């Protein structure tokens, strides 16, 4: 569900993750690790609000990571194959 504030459309975390194709945990981990910036906009409950510009950046990041063969753990595929377990 989106919200319009001052003429700008904002989405919640769940909607953004669905649009981008990642889990909530991945999004939060990327923000914690500085891979993608956190948002400044919050609603009255303190929930993050994401605009279309942020979604575009996140989609681009996901595409870049998929093209570079990152797995779901954020590691390059060859790093996993070369690990001694």
Protein backbone atom coordinates (compact mmCIF):
# COMPACT_ATOMS: atom_id res chain seq x y z
CA UNK A 1 0.00 0.00 0.00
CA UNK A 2 1.41 3.35 -0.97
CA UNK A 3 1.05 6.77 0.60
CA UNK A 4 1.11 10.15 -1.09
CA UNK A 5 2.80 12.89 0.92
CA UNK A 6 3.22 16.35 -0.59
CA UNK A 7 2.58 14.91 -4.04
CA UNK A 8 5.27 12.21 -3.74
CA UNK A 9 4.33 8.51 -3.72
CA UNK A 10 5.97 6.47 -0.96
CA UNK A 11 5.95 2.71 -0.42
CA UNK A 12 6.53 0.55 2.63
CA UNK A 13 9.33 -1.95 3.08
CA UNK A 14 7.27 -4.98 2.04
CA UNK A 15 6.12 -3.37 -1.20
CA UNK A 16 9.64 -2.25 -2.08
CA UNK A 17 11.06 -5.72 -1.48
CA UNK A 18 8.39 -7.26 -3.70
CA UNK A 19 9.05 -4.73 -6.47
CA UNK A 20 12.80 -5.17 -6.30
CA UNK A 21 12.81 -8.94 -5.78
CA UNK A 22 14.69 -9.24 -2.48
CA UNK A 23 13.74 -10.18 1.05
CA UNK A 24 13.22 -7.67 3.84
CA UNK A 25 16.22 -9.13 5.64
CA UNK A 26 18.42 -8.56 2.57
CA UNK A 27 17.28 -4.95 2.28
CA UNK A 28 17.95 -4.29 5.96
CA UNK A 29 21.35 -6.07 5.81
CA UNK A 30 22.35 -3.98 2.77
CA UNK A 31 21.39 -0.82 4.64
CA UNK A 32 23.28 -1.93 7.76
CA UNK A 33 26.39 -2.72 5.71
CA UNK A 34 26.25 0.50 3.70
CA UNK A 35 25.64 -1.31 0.40
CA UNK A 36 22.56 0.84 -0.12
CA UNK A 37 21.64 3.98 1.79
CA UNK A 38 18.94 4.03 4.42
CA UNK A 39 15.98 6.33 3.93
CA UNK A 40 15.33 9.47 5.95
CA UNK A 41 11.56 9.52 5.46
CA UNK A 42 9.48 7.75 8.10
CA UNK A 43 5.78 7.65 8.83
CA UNK A 44 4.27 8.50 12.20
CA UNK A 45 4.93 4.91 13.39
CA UNK A 46 8.60 5.15 12.49
CA UNK A 47 8.28 2.83 9.49
CA UNK A 48 10.52 3.59 6.51
CA UNK A 49 8.97 5.21 3.45
CA UNK A 50 10.62 4.65 0.07
CA UNK A 51 10.07 6.80 -3.03
CA UNK A 52 10.32 5.77 -6.69
CA UNK A 53 13.87 7.09 -6.94
CA UNK A 54 14.98 4.75 -4.16
CA UNK A 55 13.22 1.81 -5.81
CA UNK A 56 15.02 2.53 -9.08
CA UNK A 57 18.39 2.57 -7.28
CA UNK A 58 17.59 -0.67 -5.48
CA UNK A 59 16.54 -2.40 -8.72
CA UNK A 60 19.77 -1.28 -10.36
CA UNK A 61 21.79 -2.66 -7.44
CA UNK A 62 19.97 -5.99 -7.59
CA UNK A 63 20.58 -6.23 -11.34
CA UNK A 64 24.28 -5.43 -10.89
CA UNK A 65 24.68 -8.02 -8.16
CA UNK A 66 22.87 -10.68 -10.17
CA UNK A 67 24.99 -9.92 -13.23
CA UNK A 68 28.14 -10.32 -11.14
CA UNK A 69 26.93 -13.73 -9.88
CA UNK A 70 26.42 -12.77 -6.26
CA UNK A 71 24.51 -15.42 -4.38
CA UNK A 72 21.78 -14.74 -1.85
CA UNK A 73 24.39 -14.42 0.92
CA UNK A 74 26.12 -11.50 -0.83
CA UNK A 75 29.16 -13.54 -1.86
CA UNK A 76 30.49 -14.11 -5.32
CA UNK A 77 29.65 -17.61 -6.56
CA UNK A 78 33.33 -18.46 -7.08
CA UNK A 79 34.05 -17.55 -3.44
CA UNK A 80 31.59 -20.19 -2.30
CA UNK A 81 32.91 -22.83 -4.70
CA UNK A 82 36.49 -22.25 -3.54
CA UNK A 83 35.68 -22.52 0.17
CA UNK A 84 36.98 -25.50 2.08
CA UNK A 85 34.14 -26.73 4.27
